[in-house]
Amino acid sequence: MSANGTKPIRVMADGTIKQVNPLSGTQVWTVPGGGNRPIGGAASSTAPIDHRREGRFCAFCSGRYRDTPPEKSRVVRTVDGWRRIEGVLASELEATTAEFRRVPNLFEILSLDYWEDNYGYQMPESARSRMRAYLAEPAGWDHVMGVARGKALASGVPEDVWDGLSEEMKLDWADNFFDGGHDLVVARRHFVDGATAQDHLCASGSLTPEEHRMYTSFTISAQRDLYDFAPDVKHVSVFQNWLRPAGASFDHLHKQLVAIDERGVQAEREYSKVLARPNIYNEMAVDYAAAQGLVLAENAHAVAFAGFGHRYPTLEVYSKSAERSPWMHSAEEIAAVSDLLHACHAATGPLVPTNEEWYCEPKDLDVPMPWRIMIKWRISTLAGFEGGTKINVNTISPFALHERVLPKLVELRKLGILAEGIRLGSECEVRPNSLKYAGG
């Protein structure tokens, strides 16, 4: 039973499936026949790729490094493996090819001014030193001024007004390029290498398991840094919007990380439920999913299942680790979560708009909340019924989602696309209290 005594999933006599999410309280109905329509197709143009624009398809591409603010760090491939480079100067931007880059968001949700004006935040000397070094190069100055000008004009500053500003005033637009709490982790490829048509976008599932592990661990490193960005940071939201229907500005693979001064509504909702029922994530998530036959995949340190009680069809990946924060996980535990996340994305496919959302224990809460990630398929739109009743209509039930995804996972494993060590469907051995976080 959920916290209010209602079963999370109820199947009615006519086949209608009513769900209540035990953590959020979200109510969802799936009616018979509602999921028969095809999904995907948001980016399904089969028009040929103009390879004359290689590396310059959008502002996140590798040939347009100067269209984004100066990067904080990058990960490159070498003959000896992966290497991380911090604070690349403008003169060195093309010296290596970044497989993943961490850059400030040009239009941040919470600006540096927000932290300065509300909390008296001051840029640390380490950031100012990096800013001075970057601007000392003529190429660095031109890069920063070009991006700052573009931001100012996009924000409504007339061109002649910008041109009349002093250098000091122009630099005020650039502080957040070297400090701040909203970053992006951007992947190299726009299209899959060797692609010929525009529907071959490089999505999370298009990466190799090894690449996806680096993408995940690099994001975790950025998440850890942002928790230390300012004393008043209580939570760092990590998410990925894939394709424009899911909120992406560019159809180019990237994650976002936003430091905020509140725990977030979802964490607040879960807090009291976890206090009353510390083992809720085992009992009402993983154990319940296993009892309902919804488990899709498992490996040594993580489990994935078709979620229930969600506004959109949702795949959930839970870490089994006793650690609650991603950066406290071992390399093997991070790889395990990454491998199942990659598998879920690969099975979803690159044409389905998705939101990937990370959840873990907020900074100032000492309650057991395991690290978990959700992939939500953004394949429907809220309408008047949902707005008026707060009952959401999800066209694909958890059971139908399981039936769609599991055969695809089996096929992908046969093709060698999934990481090794993943058990699928009936091979999984999910046992009660398989999550080892402190509540389990």
Foldseek 3Di string as FASTA:
>chain_A
DAPVPDDQWDQDPQGKIWGAQSQQRFIEIAHPPLQPDDFFPLFPFFAWDPCVCQQPPDCLALVNCLLAQQFQKFWAQDPVGIDIDGLDALVCSPVTGGQKTKFADLDAPQFPVNCCVPPVDDDDPVLVVSVCVNCVDPSSVVSQLVNLLVSCVVVPDDPVNVVPDDPVVSCVSRSVRRAAFKMKIFGHFQAQPPDTGRLRGCELLNDFLVSLLVSQVVVLVSLVVNCVRDPQFFHKWKKWWAHVLSPDPDNGGMIMIGTDNDPDPSLVSNQVVCVVQVQCCQPVPVVVQVVVLFWFKAFDFKTWGFGGSDLFGKIKMFGLDQDFRPVVDDSVSSSRSSLVVSLQDSLVDNRFTWMKTWDTDIDPDDGWDHIMIMIGGSGDDDDDVCVVPVHHYYNAGSVNVSVSRNVSSVVCVVVVRGDPRMDGRPRDDDDRSSRNHPSD
